[in-house]
PDB file of N, CA and C in Angstrom:
ATOM      1  N   GLN A   1      -5.437  13.772  -9.541  1.00  0.00           N
ATOM      2  CA  GLN A   1      -6.027  12.636 -10.252  1.00  0.00           C
ATOM      3  C   GLN A   1      -4.952  11.605 -10.596  1.00  0.00           C
ATOM      4  N   THR A   2      -3.746  12.051 -10.944  1.00  0.00           N
ATOM      5  CA  THR A   2      -2.705  11.080 -11.279  1.00  0.00           C
ATOM      6  C   THR A   2      -2.288  10.275 -10.050  1.00  0.00           C
ATOM      7  N   GLU A   3      -2.323  10.900  -8.869  1.00  0.00           N
ATOM      8  CA  GLU A   3      -1.996  10.153  -7.659  1.00  0.00           C
ATOM      9  C   GLU A   3      -2.992   9.011  -7.463  1.00  0.00           C
ATOM     10  N   ARG A   4      -4.259   9.285  -7.690  1.00  0.00           N
ATOM     11  CA  ARG A   4      -5.283   8.245  -7.565  1.00  0.00           C
ATOM     12  C   ARG A   4      -5.022   7.119  -8.562  1.00  0.00           C
ATOM     13  N   ALA A   5      -4.661   7.467  -9.779  1.00  0.00           N
ATOM     14  CA  ALA A   5      -4.386   6.451 -10.801  1.00  0.00           C
ATOM     15  C   ALA A   5      -3.180   5.605 -10.413  1.00  0.00           C
ATOM     16  N   HIS A   6      -2.118   6.251  -9.937  1.00  0.00           N
ATOM     17  CA  HIS A   6      -0.927   5.509  -9.509  1.00  0.00           C
ATOM     18  C   HIS A   6      -1.267   4.541  -8.380  1.00  0.00           C
ATOM     19  N   LEU A   7      -2.006   5.027  -7.392  1.00  0.00           N
ATOM     20  CA  LEU A   7      -2.327   4.181  -6.242  1.00  0.00           C
ATOM     21  C   LEU A   7      -3.272   3.044  -6.610  1.00  0.00           C
ATOM     22  N   THR A   8      -4.196   3.295  -7.517  1.00  0.00           N
ATOM     23  CA  THR A   8      -5.100   2.227  -7.962  1.00  0.00           C
ATOM     24  C   THR A   8      -4.312   1.103  -8.618  1.00  0.00           C
ATOM     25  N   ILE A   9      -3.379   1.463  -9.474  1.00  0.00           N
ATOM     26  CA  ILE A   9      -2.535   0.458 -10.137  1.00  0.00           C
ATOM     27  C   ILE A   9      -1.739  -0.328  -9.101  1.00  0.00           C
ATOM     28  N   LEU A  10      -1.166   0.362  -8.132  1.00  0.00           N
ATOM     29  CA  LEU A  10      -0.355  -0.305  -7.115  1.00  0.00           C
ATOM     30  C   LEU A  10      -1.197  -1.210  -6.216  1.00  0.00           C
ATOM     31  N   PHE A  11      -2.390  -0.765  -5.847  1.00  0.00           N
ATOM     32  CA  PHE A  11      -3.276  -1.621  -5.047  1.00  0.00           C
ATOM     33  C   PHE A  11      -3.614  -2.893  -5.813  1.00  0.00           C
ATOM     34  N   GLU A  12      -3.955  -2.763  -7.074  1.00  0.00           N
ATOM     35  CA  GLU A  12      -4.305  -3.938  -7.879  1.00  0.00           C
ATOM     36  C   GLU A  12      -3.108  -4.853  -8.081  1.00  0.00           C
ATOM     37  N   LYS A  13      -1.921  -4.284  -8.141  1.00  0.00           N
ATOM     38  CA  LYS A  13      -0.709  -5.074  -8.370  1.00  0.00           C
ATOM     39  C   LYS A  13      -0.274  -5.829  -7.110  1.00  0.00           C
ATOM     40  N   TYR A  14      -0.308  -5.177  -5.961  1.00  0.00           N
ATOM     41  CA  TYR A  14       0.304  -5.744  -4.763  1.00  0.00           C
ATOM     42  C   TYR A  14      -0.657  -6.326  -3.728  1.00  0.00           C
ATOM     43  N   VAL A  15      -1.777  -5.691  -3.489  1.00  0.00           N
ATOM     44  CA  VAL A  15      -2.612  -6.086  -2.346  1.00  0.00           C
ATOM     45  C   VAL A  15      -3.133  -7.520  -2.449  1.00  0.00           C
ATOM     46  N   PRO A  16      -3.723  -7.947  -3.579  1.00  0.00           N
ATOM     47  CA  PRO A  16      -4.209  -9.342  -3.606  1.00  0.00           C
ATOM     48  C   PRO A  16      -3.101 -10.368  -3.368  1.00  0.00           C
ATOM     49  N   ARG A  17      -1.931 -10.146  -3.971  1.00  0.00           N
ATOM     50  CA  ARG A  17      -0.830 -11.092  -3.791  1.00  0.00           C
ATOM     51  C   ARG A  17      -0.320 -11.098  -2.352  1.00  0.00           C
ATOM     52  N   CYS A  18      -0.214  -9.923  -1.757  1.00  0.00           N
ATOM     53  CA  CYS A  18       0.257  -9.848  -0.369  1.00  0.00           C
ATOM     54  C   CYS A  18      -0.722 -10.509   0.590  1.00  0.00           C
ATOM     55  N   LEU A  19      -2.001 -10.273   0.382  1.00  0.00           N
ATOM     56  CA  LEU A  19      -2.997 -10.906   1.249  1.00  0.00           C
ATOM     57  C   LEU A  19      -2.970 -12.421   1.095  1.00  0.00           C
ATOM     58  N   GLU A  20      -2.782 -12.889  -0.117  1.00  0.00           N
ATOM     59  CA  GLU A  20      -2.692 -14.333  -0.359  1.00  0.00           C
ATOM     60  C   GLU A  20      -1.470 -14.916   0.347  1.00  0.00           C
ATOM     61  N   GLN A  21      -0.338 -14.231   0.259  1.00  0.00           N
ATOM     62  CA  GLN A  21       0.876 -14.691   0.945  1.00  0.00           C
ATOM     63  C   GLN A  21       0.678 -14.701   2.458  1.00  0.00           C
ATOM     64  N   MET A  22       0.059 -13.647   2.973  1.00  0.00           N
ATOM     65  CA  MET A  22      -0.179 -13.581   4.418  1.00  0.00           C
ATOM     66  C   MET A  22      -1.058 -14.742   4.878  1.00  0.00           C
ATOM     67  N   LYS A  23      -2.045 -15.081   4.067  1.00  0.00           N
ATOM     68  CA  LYS A  23      -2.970 -16.149   4.438  1.00  0.00           C
ATOM     69  C   LYS A  23      -2.299 -17.520   4.365  1.00  0.00           C
ATOM     70  N   ASN A  24      -1.463 -17.740   3.363  1.00  0.00           N
ATOM     71  CA  ASN A  24      -0.914 -19.071   3.123  1.00  0.00           C
ATOM     72  C   ASN A  24       0.458 -19.320   3.738  1.00  0.00           C
ATOM     73  N   LYS A  25       1.261 -18.293   3.919  1.00  0.00           N
ATOM     74  CA  LYS A  25       2.653 -18.504   4.320  1.00  0.00           C
ATOM     75  C   LYS A  25       2.971 -18.095   5.751  1.00  0.00           C
ATOM     76  N   PHE A  26       2.119 -17.290   6.367  1.00  0.00           N
ATOM     77  CA  PHE A  26       2.422 -16.776   7.695  1.00  0.00           C
ATOM     78  C   PHE A  26       1.364 -17.203   8.698  1.00  0.00           C
ATOM     79  N   LYS A  27       1.807 -17.336   9.942  1.00  0.00           N
ATOM     80  CA  LYS A  27       0.876 -17.607  11.034  1.00  0.00           C
ATOM     81  C   LYS A  27       0.926 -16.409  11.973  1.00  0.00           C
ATOM     82  N   THR A  28      -0.239 -15.993  12.426  1.00  0.00           N
ATOM     83  CA  THR A  28      -0.293 -14.880  13.367  1.00  0.00           C
ATOM     84  C   THR A  28      -0.770 -15.383  14.716  1.00  0.00           C
ATOM     85  N   ILE A  29      -0.283 -14.751  15.752  1.00  0.00           N
ATOM     86  CA  ILE A  29      -0.725 -15.119  17.096  1.00  0.00           C
ATOM     87  C   ILE A  29      -2.174 -14.699  17.287  1.00  0.00           C
ATOM     88  N   THR A  30      -2.469 -13.491  16.860  1.00  0.00           N
ATOM     89  CA  THR A  30      -3.833 -12.970  16.913  1.00  0.00           C
ATOM     90  C   THR A  30      -4.337 -12.834  15.492  1.00  0.00           C
ATOM     91  N   PRO A  31      -5.456 -13.443  15.157  1.00  0.00           N
ATOM     92  CA  PRO A  31      -5.966 -13.322  13.788  1.00  0.00           C
ATOM     93  C   PRO A  31      -6.235 -11.854  13.427  1.00  0.00           C
ATOM     94  N   ILE A  32      -5.807 -11.483  12.231  1.00  0.00           N
ATOM     95  CA  ILE A  32      -6.016 -10.120  11.741  1.00  0.00           C
ATOM     96  C   ILE A  32      -6.844 -10.209  10.467  1.00  0.00           C
ATOM     97  N   PRO A  33      -8.038  -9.642  10.463  1.00  0.00           N
ATOM     98  CA  PRO A  33      -8.862  -9.681   9.244  1.00  0.00           C
ATOM     99  C   PRO A  33      -8.182  -8.930   8.100  1.00  0.00           C
ATOM    100  N   GLU A  34      -8.458  -9.381   6.883  1.00  0.00           N
ATOM    101  CA  GLU A  34      -7.835  -8.767   5.709  1.00  0.00           C
ATOM    102  C   GLU A  34      -8.169  -7.286   5.594  1.00  0.00           C
ATOM    103  N   ASN A  35      -9.400  -6.928   5.913  1.00  0.00           N
ATOM    104  CA  ASN A  35      -9.760  -5.515   5.796  1.00  0.00           C
ATOM    105  C   ASN A  35      -8.959  -4.651   6.774  1.00  0.00           C
ATOM    106  N   CYS A  36      -8.568  -5.197   7.916  1.00  0.00           N
ATOM    107  CA  CYS A  36      -7.732  -4.446   8.860  1.00  0.00           C
ATOM    108  C   CYS A  36      -6.318  -4.268   8.316  1.00  0.00           C
ATOM    109  N   MET A  37      -5.809  -5.279   7.633  1.00  0.00           N
ATOM    110  CA  MET A  37      -4.487  -5.148   7.024  1.00  0.00           C
ATOM    111  C   MET A  37      -4.490  -4.071   5.944  1.00  0.00           C
ATOM    112  N   VAL A  38      -5.535  -4.042   5.147  1.00  0.00           N
ATOM    113  CA  VAL A  38      -5.643  -3.028   4.095  1.00  0.00           C
ATOM    114  C   VAL A  38      -5.821  -1.646   4.717  1.00  0.00           C
ATOM    115  N   GLN A  39      -6.589  -1.559   5.784  1.00  0.00           N
ATOM    116  CA  GLN A  39      -6.772  -0.273   6.471  1.00  0.00           C
ATOM    117  C   GLN A  39      -5.447   0.235   7.036  1.00  0.00           C
ATOM    118  N   THR A  40      -4.644  -0.659   7.580  1.00  0.00           N
ATOM    119  CA  THR A  40      -3.332  -0.279   8.091  1.00  0.00           C
ATOM    120  C   THR A  40      -2.446   0.228   6.963  1.00  0.00           C
ATOM    121  N   LEU A  41      -2.481  -0.438   5.828  1.00  0.00           N
ATOM    122  CA  LEU A  41      -1.735   0.023   4.656  1.00  0.00           C
ATOM    123  C   LEU A  41      -2.167   1.434   4.271  1.00  0.00           C
ATOM    124  N   CYS A  42      -3.456   1.672   4.241  1.00  0.00           N
ATOM    125  CA  CYS A  42      -3.976   3.000   3.880  1.00  0.00           C
ATOM    126  C   CYS A  42      -3.531   4.063   4.877  1.00  0.00           C
ATOM    127  N   THR A  43      -3.525   3.720   6.152  1.00  0.00           N
ATOM    128  CA  THR A  43      -3.088   4.672   7.172  1.00  0.00           C
ATOM    129  C   THR A  43      -1.611   5.003   7.012  1.00  0.00           C
ATOM    130  N   LEU A  44      -0.796   3.990   6.771  1.00  0.00           N
ATOM    131  CA  LEU A  44       0.630   4.228   6.543  1.00  0.00           C
ATOM    132  C   LEU A  44       0.850   5.091   5.307  1.00  0.00           C
ATOM    133  N   LEU A  45       0.133   4.800   4.238  1.00  0.00           N
ATOM    134  CA  LEU A  45       0.275   5.599   3.021  1.00  0.00           C
ATOM    135  C   LEU A  45      -0.166   7.035   3.255  1.00  0.00           C
ATOM    136  N   ASP A  46      -1.204   7.213   4.040  1.00  0.00           N
ATOM    137  CA  ASP A  46      -1.679   8.563   4.345  1.00  0.00           C
ATOM    138  C   ASP A  46      -0.590   9.369   5.052  1.00  0.00           C
ATOM    139  N   CYS A  47       0.167   8.712   5.911  1.00  0.00           N
ATOM    140  CA  CYS A  47       1.260   9.391   6.619  1.00  0.00           C
ATOM    141  C   CYS A  47       2.471   9.623   5.718  1.00  0.00           C
ATOM    142  N   LEU A  48       2.734   8.695   4.822  1.00  0.00           N
ATOM    143  CA  LEU A  48       3.937   8.778   3.988  1.00  0.00           C
ATOM    144  C   LEU A  48       3.775   9.663   2.759  1.00  0.00           C
ATOM    145  N   LEU A  49       2.608   9.653   2.164  1.00  0.00           N
ATOM    146  CA  LEU A  49       2.410  10.369   0.899  1.00  0.00           C
ATOM    147  C   LEU A  49       2.020  11.823   1.163  1.00  0.00           C
ATOM    148  N   THR A  50       2.983  12.576   1.631  1.00  0.00           N
ATOM    149  CA  THR A  50       2.767  13.992   1.917  1.00  0.00           C
ATOM    150  C   THR A  50       3.376  14.826   0.792  1.00  0.00           C
ATOM    151  N   PRO A  51       2.948  16.066   0.653  1.00  0.00           N
ATOM    152  CA  PRO A  51       3.547  16.933  -0.384  1.00  0.00           C
ATOM    153  C   PRO A  51       5.058  17.109  -0.209  1.00  0.00           C
ATOM    154  N   GLU A  52       5.535  17.029   1.027  1.00  0.00           N
ATOM    155  CA  GLU A  52       6.980  17.141   1.252  1.00  0.00           C
ATOM    156  C   GLU A  52       7.726  15.926   0.712  1.00  0.00           C
ATOM    157  N   ASN A  53       7.130  14.748   0.831  1.00  0.00           N
ATOM    158  CA  ASN A  53       7.769  13.516   0.355  1.00  0.00           C
ATOM    159  C   ASN A  53       7.586  13.305  -1.137  1.00  0.00           C
ATOM    160  N   ILE A  54       6.424  13.694  -1.643  1.00  0.00           N
ATOM    161  CA  ILE A  54       6.115  13.469  -3.056  1.00  0.00           C
ATOM    162  C   ILE A  54       5.627  14.782  -3.662  1.00  0.00           C
ATOM    163  N   PRO A  55       6.525  15.504  -4.324  1.00  0.00           N
ATOM    164  CA  PRO A  55       6.098  16.749  -4.976  1.00  0.00           C
ATOM    165  C   PRO A  55       5.117  16.464  -6.112  1.00  0.00           C
ATOM    166  N   ALA A  56       4.424  17.491  -6.540  1.00  0.00           N
ATOM    167  CA  ALA A  56       3.467  17.344  -7.646  1.00  0.00           C
ATOM    168  C   ALA A  56       4.170  16.795  -8.883  1.00  0.00           C
ATOM    169  N   GLU A  57       3.438  15.963  -9.614  1.00  0.00           N
ATOM    170  CA  GLU A  57       3.936  15.357 -10.859  1.00  0.00           C
ATOM    171  C   GLU A  57       5.150  14.447 -10.641  1.00  0.00           C
ATOM    172  N   SER A  58       5.205  13.793  -9.505  1.00  0.00           N
ATOM    173  CA  SER A  58       6.276  12.823  -9.256  1.00  0.00           C
ATOM    174  C   SER A  58       6.044  11.583 -10.103  1.00  0.00           C
ATOM    175  N   PRO A  59       7.120  10.901 -10.504  1.00  0.00           N
ATOM    176  CA  PRO A  59       6.943   9.688 -11.305  1.00  0.00           C
ATOM    177  C   PRO A  59       6.331   8.557 -10.479  1.00  0.00           C
ATOM    178  N   ARG A  60       5.778   7.595 -11.189  1.00  0.00           N
ATOM    179  CA  ARG A  60       5.105   6.469 -10.540  1.00  0.00           C
ATOM    180  C   ARG A  60       6.056   5.674  -9.649  1.00  0.00           C
ATOM    181  N   GLU A  61       7.320   5.635  -9.990  1.00  0.00           N
ATOM    182  CA  GLU A  61       8.290   4.864  -9.216  1.00  0.00           C
ATOM    183  C   GLU A  61       8.395   5.368  -7.777  1.00  0.00           C
ATOM    184  N   ILE A  62       8.240   6.668  -7.591  1.00  0.00           N
ATOM    185  CA  ILE A  62       8.287   7.225  -6.233  1.00  0.00           C
ATOM    186  C   ILE A  62       7.114   6.686  -5.412  1.00  0.00           C
ATOM    187  N   TYR A  63       5.933   6.664  -6.015  1.00  0.00           N
ATOM    188  CA  TYR A  63       4.763   6.117  -5.327  1.00  0.00           C
ATOM    189  C   TYR A  63       4.980   4.643  -5.005  1.00  0.00           C
ATOM    190  N   GLU A  64       5.554   3.914  -5.937  1.00  0.00           N
ATOM    191  CA  GLU A  64       5.768   2.483  -5.728  1.00  0.00           C
ATOM    192  C   GLU A  64       6.759   2.237  -4.593  1.00  0.00           C
ATOM    193  N   THR A  65       7.764   3.080  -4.476  1.00  0.00           N
ATOM    194  CA  THR A  65       8.729   2.946  -3.388  1.00  0.00           C
ATOM    195  C   THR A  65       8.045   3.080  -2.032  1.00  0.00           C
ATOM    196  N   TYR A  66       7.247   4.111  -1.869  1.00  0.00           N
ATOM    197  CA  TYR A  66       6.535   4.304  -0.602  1.00  0.00           C
ATOM    198  C   TYR A  66       5.496   3.210  -0.383  1.00  0.00           C
ATOM    199  N   PHE A  67       4.839   2.777  -1.439  1.00  0.00           N
ATOM    200  CA  PHE A  67       3.807   1.745  -1.322  1.00  0.00           C
ATOM    201  C   PHE A  67       4.419   0.433  -0.842  1.00  0.00           C
ATOM    202  N   THR A  68       5.525   0.026  -1.445  1.00  0.00           N
ATOM    203  CA  THR A  68       6.141  -1.239  -1.036  1.00  0.00           C
ATOM    204  C   THR A  68       6.725  -1.143   0.372  1.00  0.00           C
ATOM    205  N   PHE A  69       7.177   0.040   0.767  1.00  0.00           N
ATOM    206  CA  PHE A  69       7.647   0.218   2.140  1.00  0.00           C
ATOM    207  C   PHE A  69       6.503   0.028   3.132  1.00  0.00           C
ATOM    208  N   ALA A  70       5.362   0.608   2.813  1.00  0.00           N
ATOM    209  CA  ALA A  70       4.201   0.508   3.720  1.00  0.00           C
ATOM    210  C   ALA A  70       3.707  -0.926   3.783  1.00  0.00           C
TER     211      ALA A  70
END
């Protein structure tokens, strides 16, 4: 449950701002819908947030490190 809480906070903190930056500051050769960008983020997090990388009861900073990397 704490992992869900950490990730919810991080999604609310970073995703809207990142999507806004992507829309206003970057040009893509092939248009990428916002939902696809978020899906890619989720897939990367699914690969990164393993029990080997993040032991139980890890601090929020560890989640934030992996989240910002993804």
